[in-house]
Amino acid sequence: MAPKVQVPMDFGMKYLGSPSHGNLKFCLSDGEAITANSVIVSFNSPVIDKLTTELLQTSLDVQDFSREVVQNFIESCYSGEPQKISKDNFGGMNKMSTVFEVSWLVDKCFEFLDSVDL
């Protein structure tokens, strides 16, 4: 058995936006797409892992979410830290994190909610 490798949560940040590493398209409502590495995003999302490894999907329909929310979701998955959660995008970030079962990000969304006055 191969030894376990410890990988820092932000190991993918330097590849964010790289055309050679972006094999998964997040298709937006404006017809544009944001690309990401399926392996990095799958580390955080069991749903995306299943879609890309078992169902062999190379694109995801995320038309219900704004470009900002999708970009922040991807950056959060790459960095291992919540990216730019605000009062304006909390609902979208929480919904996208819930849909794709990124439990740590759902928790961070609620921590944010608890820390602000609405």
N, C-alpha and C. Protein backbone atom coordinates (compact mmCIF):
# COMPACT_ATOMS: atom_id res chain seq x y z
N MET A 1 0.84 -1.18 0.00
CA MET A 1 0.00 0.00 0.00
C MET A 1 0.89 1.25 0.00
N ALA A 2 0.53 2.19 -0.83
CA ALA A 2 1.29 3.43 -0.93
C ALA A 2 1.09 4.27 0.33
N PRO A 3 2.14 4.99 0.74
CA PRO A 3 1.98 5.85 1.92
C PRO A 3 1.04 7.01 1.62
N LYS A 4 0.34 7.47 2.65
CA LYS A 4 -0.54 8.62 2.50
C LYS A 4 0.29 9.87 2.28
N VAL A 5 -0.19 10.73 1.42
CA VAL A 5 0.49 11.98 1.15
C VAL A 5 -0.32 13.10 1.77
N GLN A 6 0.32 13.96 2.53
CA GLN A 6 -0.34 15.12 3.12
C GLN A 6 -0.30 16.26 2.10
N VAL A 7 -1.46 16.73 1.71
CA VAL A 7 -1.55 17.80 0.73
C VAL A 7 -2.19 19.01 1.40
N PRO A 8 -1.54 20.18 1.33
CA PRO A 8 -2.16 21.37 1.92
C PRO A 8 -3.45 21.72 1.18
N MET A 9 -4.43 22.26 1.90
CA MET A 9 -5.73 22.57 1.30
C MET A 9 -5.63 23.55 0.14
N ASP A 10 -4.63 24.43 0.15
CA ASP A 10 -4.54 25.43 -0.91
C ASP A 10 -3.61 25.01 -2.05
N PHE A 11 -3.31 23.73 -2.16
CA PHE A 11 -2.33 23.29 -3.15
C PHE A 11 -2.72 23.62 -4.59
N GLY A 12 -3.99 23.81 -4.86
CA GLY A 12 -4.42 24.07 -6.23
C GLY A 12 -4.49 25.52 -6.63
N MET A 13 -4.30 26.44 -5.70
CA MET A 13 -4.49 27.86 -6.00
C MET A 13 -3.63 28.34 -7.16
N LYS A 14 -2.43 27.83 -7.30
CA LYS A 14 -1.59 28.31 -8.39
C LYS A 14 -2.09 27.83 -9.76
N TYR A 15 -2.98 26.84 -9.77
CA TYR A 15 -3.53 26.34 -11.03
C TYR A 15 -4.90 26.90 -11.37
N LEU A 16 -5.46 27.71 -10.48
CA LEU A 16 -6.78 28.28 -10.70
C LEU A 16 -6.77 29.11 -11.99
N GLY A 17 -7.66 28.80 -12.89
CA GLY A 17 -7.75 29.51 -14.15
C GLY A 17 -6.80 29.00 -15.23
N SER A 18 -6.03 27.98 -14.94
CA SER A 18 -5.09 27.44 -15.92
C SER A 18 -5.83 26.64 -16.98
N PRO A 19 -5.68 27.01 -18.26
CA PRO A 19 -6.39 26.27 -19.31
C PRO A 19 -5.93 24.82 -19.43
N SER A 20 -4.69 24.54 -19.06
CA SER A 20 -4.21 23.17 -19.19
C SER A 20 -4.69 22.27 -18.06
N HIS A 21 -5.13 22.85 -16.97
CA HIS A 21 -5.61 22.05 -15.84
C HIS A 21 -7.13 22.11 -15.66
N GLY A 22 -7.80 22.96 -16.41
CA GLY A 22 -9.25 23.12 -16.27
C GLY A 22 -10.02 22.14 -17.14
N ASN A 23 -10.36 21.00 -16.58
CA ASN A 23 -11.08 19.98 -17.35
C ASN A 23 -12.56 19.87 -17.00
N LEU A 24 -13.04 20.76 -16.15
CA LEU A 24 -14.45 20.75 -15.75
C LEU A 24 -15.01 22.15 -15.98
N LYS A 25 -16.09 22.24 -16.75
CA LYS A 25 -16.71 23.53 -17.04
C LYS A 25 -17.94 23.72 -16.18
N PHE A 26 -18.00 24.87 -15.53
CA PHE A 26 -19.17 25.30 -14.79
C PHE A 26 -19.92 26.24 -15.73
N CYS A 27 -21.02 25.78 -16.33
CA CYS A 27 -21.75 26.54 -17.36
C CYS A 27 -22.72 27.52 -16.73
N LEU A 28 -22.52 28.81 -17.04
CA LEU A 28 -23.29 29.90 -16.46
C LEU A 28 -24.49 30.27 -17.32
N SER A 29 -25.39 31.06 -16.77
CA SER A 29 -26.62 31.44 -17.48
C SER A 29 -26.36 32.34 -18.68
N ASP A 30 -25.22 33.03 -18.71
CA ASP A 30 -24.91 33.92 -19.83
C ASP A 30 -24.25 33.19 -21.00
N GLY A 31 -24.17 31.86 -20.92
CA GLY A 31 -23.56 31.07 -21.99
C GLY A 31 -22.07 30.89 -21.82
N GLU A 32 -21.48 31.63 -20.90
CA GLU A 32 -20.05 31.50 -20.62
C GLU A 32 -19.83 30.33 -19.66
N ALA A 33 -18.56 29.97 -19.47
CA ALA A 33 -18.22 28.90 -18.55
C ALA A 33 -16.96 29.28 -17.77
N ILE A 34 -16.89 28.80 -16.55
CA ILE A 34 -15.68 28.93 -15.74
C ILE A 34 -15.10 27.53 -15.64
N THR A 35 -13.82 27.39 -15.94
CA THR A 35 -13.21 26.07 -15.88
C THR A 35 -12.46 25.88 -14.56
N ALA A 36 -12.42 24.63 -14.14
CA ALA A 36 -11.71 24.25 -12.92
C ALA A 36 -11.19 22.83 -13.08
N ASN A 37 -10.32 22.46 -12.20
CA ASN A 37 -9.79 21.10 -12.21
C ASN A 37 -10.74 20.21 -11.42
N SER A 38 -11.23 19.16 -12.06
CA SER A 38 -12.23 18.29 -11.42
C SER A 38 -11.68 17.59 -10.19
N VAL A 39 -10.42 17.26 -10.18
CA VAL A 39 -9.84 16.56 -9.02
C VAL A 39 -9.84 17.47 -7.80
N ILE A 40 -9.40 18.71 -8.00
CA ILE A 40 -9.34 19.66 -6.87
C ILE A 40 -10.73 19.93 -6.32
N VAL A 41 -11.70 20.18 -7.20
CA VAL A 41 -13.05 20.46 -6.74
C VAL A 41 -13.67 19.21 -6.11
N SER A 42 -13.37 18.04 -6.66
CA SER A 42 -13.92 16.78 -6.13
C SER A 42 -13.43 16.46 -4.74
N PHE A 43 -12.23 16.92 -4.38
CA PHE A 43 -11.74 16.71 -3.01
C PHE A 43 -12.70 17.30 -2.00
N ASN A 44 -13.40 18.36 -2.39
CA ASN A 44 -14.31 19.06 -1.49
C ASN A 44 -15.76 18.63 -1.64
N SER A 45 -16.13 18.12 -2.80
CA SER A 45 -17.53 17.83 -3.10
C SER A 45 -17.75 16.38 -3.51
N PRO A 46 -18.42 15.60 -2.67
CA PRO A 46 -18.74 14.23 -3.07
C PRO A 46 -19.69 14.18 -4.27
N VAL A 47 -20.51 15.21 -4.42
CA VAL A 47 -21.44 15.25 -5.56
C VAL A 47 -20.66 15.43 -6.86
N ILE A 48 -19.75 16.40 -6.88
CA ILE A 48 -18.95 16.62 -8.09
C ILE A 48 -18.05 15.44 -8.34
N ASP A 49 -17.54 14.81 -7.29
CA ASP A 49 -16.72 13.61 -7.45
C ASP A 49 -17.51 12.53 -8.18
N LYS A 50 -18.74 12.29 -7.74
CA LYS A 50 -19.56 11.27 -8.38
C LYS A 50 -19.89 11.64 -9.83
N LEU A 51 -20.23 12.90 -10.05
CA LEU A 51 -20.58 13.34 -11.41
C LEU A 51 -19.41 13.19 -12.37
N THR A 52 -18.20 13.45 -11.91
CA THR A 52 -17.04 13.41 -12.80
C THR A 52 -16.39 12.04 -12.90
N THR A 53 -16.45 11.24 -11.85
CA THR A 53 -15.78 9.93 -11.90
C THR A 53 -16.70 8.79 -12.30
N GLU A 54 -17.94 8.82 -11.83
CA GLU A 54 -18.87 7.73 -12.16
C GLU A 54 -19.70 8.04 -13.40
N LEU A 55 -20.17 9.28 -13.52
CA LEU A 55 -21.01 9.65 -14.64
C LEU A 55 -20.22 10.31 -15.78
N LEU A 56 -18.93 10.54 -15.53
CA LEU A 56 -17.99 11.08 -16.51
C LEU A 56 -18.42 12.42 -17.12
N GLN A 57 -19.06 13.24 -16.31
CA GLN A 57 -19.46 14.57 -16.78
C GLN A 57 -18.24 15.48 -16.83
N THR A 58 -18.20 16.31 -17.86
CA THR A 58 -17.12 17.29 -18.00
C THR A 58 -17.64 18.72 -17.90
N SER A 59 -18.95 18.84 -17.69
CA SER A 59 -19.54 20.17 -17.49
C SER A 59 -20.70 20.06 -16.51
N LEU A 60 -20.90 21.16 -15.81
CA LEU A 60 -21.97 21.24 -14.82
C LEU A 60 -22.84 22.45 -15.12
N ASP A 61 -24.14 22.29 -15.07
CA ASP A 61 -25.07 23.39 -15.27
C ASP A 61 -25.24 24.11 -13.93
N VAL A 62 -24.72 25.32 -13.86
CA VAL A 62 -24.84 26.13 -12.64
C VAL A 62 -25.54 27.44 -12.96
N GLN A 63 -26.51 27.38 -13.85
CA GLN A 63 -27.20 28.58 -14.32
C GLN A 63 -28.03 29.26 -13.23
N ASP A 64 -28.30 28.56 -12.15
CA ASP A 64 -29.06 29.15 -11.04
C ASP A 64 -28.21 30.06 -10.16
N PHE A 65 -26.90 30.09 -10.42
CA PHE A 65 -25.98 30.85 -9.58
C PHE A 65 -25.29 31.94 -10.38
N SER A 66 -25.00 33.04 -9.73
CA SER A 66 -24.30 34.14 -10.40
C SER A 66 -22.84 33.76 -10.66
N ARG A 67 -22.24 34.47 -11.59
CA ARG A 67 -20.81 34.26 -11.88
C ARG A 67 -19.98 34.44 -10.60
N GLU A 68 -20.31 35.47 -9.83
CA GLU A 68 -19.57 35.75 -8.60
C GLU A 68 -19.64 34.56 -7.63
N VAL A 69 -20.81 34.01 -7.45
CA VAL A 69 -20.98 32.88 -6.53
C VAL A 69 -20.20 31.67 -7.03
N VAL A 70 -20.30 31.37 -8.32
CA VAL A 70 -19.58 30.21 -8.87
C VAL A 70 -18.08 30.39 -8.71
N GLN A 71 -17.58 31.58 -9.04
CA GLN A 71 -16.15 31.85 -8.92
C GLN A 71 -15.69 31.73 -7.47
N ASN A 72 -16.46 32.29 -6.55
CA ASN A 72 -16.11 32.21 -5.13
C ASN A 72 -16.17 30.77 -4.62
N PHE A 73 -17.14 30.00 -5.10
CA PHE A 73 -17.26 28.59 -4.72
C PHE A 73 -16.02 27.82 -5.18
N ILE A 74 -15.63 28.02 -6.43
CA ILE A 74 -14.45 27.33 -6.97
C ILE A 74 -13.20 27.75 -6.20
N GLU A 75 -13.03 29.05 -5.99
CA GLU A 75 -11.87 29.54 -5.26
C GLU A 75 -11.84 28.98 -3.84
N SER A 76 -12.99 28.83 -3.22
CA SER A 76 -13.06 28.24 -1.89
C SER A 76 -12.60 26.79 -1.92
N CYS A 77 -13.04 26.05 -2.93
CA CYS A 77 -12.61 24.65 -3.06
C CYS A 77 -11.11 24.55 -3.29
N TYR A 78 -10.57 25.45 -4.08
CA TYR A 78 -9.13 25.45 -4.36
C TYR A 78 -8.31 25.83 -3.13
N SER A 79 -8.81 26.79 -2.36
CA SER A 79 -8.00 27.32 -1.26
C SER A 79 -8.23 26.63 0.08
N GLY A 80 -9.39 25.99 0.22
CA GLY A 80 -9.72 25.38 1.50
C GLY A 80 -10.22 26.39 2.52
N GLU A 81 -10.46 27.61 2.06
CA GLU A 81 -10.97 28.69 2.91
C GLU A 81 -12.14 29.36 2.19
N PRO A 82 -13.14 29.82 2.93
CA PRO A 82 -14.26 30.50 2.28
C PRO A 82 -13.78 31.79 1.61
N GLN A 83 -14.21 32.02 0.40
CA GLN A 83 -13.78 33.20 -0.36
C GLN A 83 -14.93 34.18 -0.51
N LYS A 84 -14.75 35.36 0.01
CA LYS A 84 -15.61 36.51 -0.24
C LYS A 84 -17.10 36.27 0.05
N ILE A 85 -17.41 35.65 1.16
CA ILE A 85 -18.82 35.52 1.55
C ILE A 85 -19.27 36.88 2.07
N SER A 86 -20.40 37.35 1.56
CA SER A 86 -20.92 38.66 1.95
C SER A 86 -22.43 38.56 2.16
N LYS A 87 -23.01 39.64 2.66
CA LYS A 87 -24.47 39.68 2.81
C LYS A 87 -25.15 39.49 1.46
N ASP A 88 -24.53 40.04 0.41
CA ASP A 88 -25.13 39.98 -0.93
C ASP A 88 -25.09 38.59 -1.55
N ASN A 89 -24.04 37.82 -1.26
CA ASN A 89 -23.93 36.51 -1.93
C ASN A 89 -24.10 35.32 -1.00
N PHE A 90 -24.40 35.60 0.29
CA PHE A 90 -24.55 34.51 1.25
C PHE A 90 -25.53 33.44 0.77
N GLY A 91 -26.71 33.86 0.30
CA GLY A 91 -27.73 32.90 -0.12
C GLY A 91 -27.23 31.98 -1.23
N GLY A 92 -26.58 32.56 -2.23
CA GLY A 92 -26.05 31.76 -3.34
C GLY A 92 -24.92 30.85 -2.91
N MET A 93 -24.02 31.37 -2.08
CA MET A 93 -22.90 30.55 -1.61
C MET A 93 -23.40 29.38 -0.76
N ASN A 94 -24.36 29.66 0.12
CA ASN A 94 -24.90 28.59 0.95
C ASN A 94 -25.63 27.56 0.11
N LYS A 95 -26.44 28.02 -0.85
CA LYS A 95 -27.19 27.09 -1.71
C LYS A 95 -26.25 26.24 -2.55
N MET A 96 -25.24 26.86 -3.18
CA MET A 96 -24.33 26.09 -4.02
C MET A 96 -23.53 25.08 -3.19
N SER A 97 -23.09 25.50 -2.00
CA SER A 97 -22.35 24.60 -1.12
C SER A 97 -23.23 23.44 -0.66
N THR A 98 -24.51 23.71 -0.44
CA THR A 98 -25.44 22.66 -0.04
C THR A 98 -25.72 21.70 -1.18
N VAL A 99 -25.99 22.24 -2.38
CA VAL A 99 -26.28 21.40 -3.55
C VAL A 99 -25.12 20.44 -3.83
N PHE A 100 -23.89 20.95 -3.74
CA PHE A 100 -22.73 20.12 -4.06
C PHE A 100 -22.10 19.47 -2.82
N GLU A 101 -22.79 19.59 -1.68
CA GLU A 101 -22.43 18.92 -0.43
C GLU A 101 -21.00 19.22 0.04
N VAL A 102 -20.63 20.50 -0.04
CA VAL A 102 -19.34 20.93 0.51
C VAL A 102 -19.63 21.36 1.95
N SER A 103 -19.63 20.38 2.83
CA SER A 103 -20.11 20.58 4.19
C SER A 103 -19.31 21.63 4.95
N TRP A 104 -18.01 21.66 4.79
CA TRP A 104 -17.22 22.65 5.52
C TRP A 104 -17.57 24.07 5.08
N LEU A 105 -17.94 24.24 3.79
CA LEU A 105 -18.29 25.57 3.30
C LEU A 105 -19.69 25.97 3.76
N VAL A 106 -20.60 25.00 3.85
CA VAL A 106 -21.92 25.28 4.43
C VAL A 106 -21.74 25.77 5.87
N ASP A 107 -20.88 25.08 6.63
CA ASP A 107 -20.60 25.50 8.01
C ASP A 107 -20.05 26.93 8.05
N LYS A 108 -19.13 27.25 7.14
CA LYS A 108 -18.54 28.59 7.11
C LYS A 108 -19.58 29.65 6.74
N CYS A 109 -20.52 29.29 5.86
CA CYS A 109 -21.59 30.22 5.52
C CYS A 109 -22.42 30.56 6.75
N PHE A 110 -22.74 29.55 7.55
CA PHE A 110 -23.53 29.80 8.75
C PHE A 110 -22.73 30.53 9.82
N GLU A 111 -21.42 30.28 9.88
CA GLU A 111 -20.58 31.07 10.79
C GLU A 111 -20.62 32.54 10.39
N PHE A 112 -20.56 32.79 9.07
CA PHE A 112 -20.65 34.17 8.58
C PHE A 112 -21.99 34.78 8.98
N LEU A 113 -23.06 34.03 8.76
CA LEU A 113 -24.40 34.52 9.09
C LEU A 113 -24.51 34.88 10.57
N ASP A 114 -23.93 34.05 11.41
CA ASP A 114 -23.97 34.32 12.85
C ASP A 114 -23.16 35.55 13.24
N SER A 115 -22.20 35.94 12.39
CA SER A 115 -21.30 37.04 12.75
C SER A 115 -21.76 38.41 12.24
N VAL A 116 -22.84 38.46 11.47
CA VAL A 116 -23.28 39.75 10.92
C VAL A 116 -24.70 40.07 11.38
N ASP A 117 -25.01 41.36 11.34
CA ASP A 117 -26.37 41.80 11.60
C ASP A 117 -27.07 41.94 10.26
N LEU A 118 -28.20 41.30 10.13
CA LEU A 118 -28.94 41.39 8.88
C LEU A 118 -29.96 42.43 8.94
